[in-house]
């Protein structure tokens, strides 16, 4: 039987590398672990640490095609980050000019959550535990 341990990483292709790098490192506060430029592909790859467990790979490619992500397009729906205090998390990203949706309550768990978008309009969720 196949045994999967956990998610290893999530890969995101951005349209503006500098803007996305600033968003993920300065706005969300993720730690940059390694950054490389792959000359043969004219592409950057930035490895970002999330809570000492998971990794996000941020890629740049010349002229990546747009991918529909809203309202309910097929494919990855959103990226969710667990937070201890959603009010503090929302205030932190709002201070950088990021607009968040009103905080909602998960009807099944009773937990609070909200959505906002990265520079490429990728839906991101904060989910309070």
Foldseek 3Di string as FASTA:
>chain_A
DDDDDDDAEAEDEDADVVQLVCCVCPQVNWDWDDWDQDVVQRKIWTWTDDPNGYIYIYMYGHPDDQDDAPDPDPDDNAAEDEDADVVVSQVSNVVVVWDKDPWDADPPPRWIKIWTAGPSRGIYMYTHD
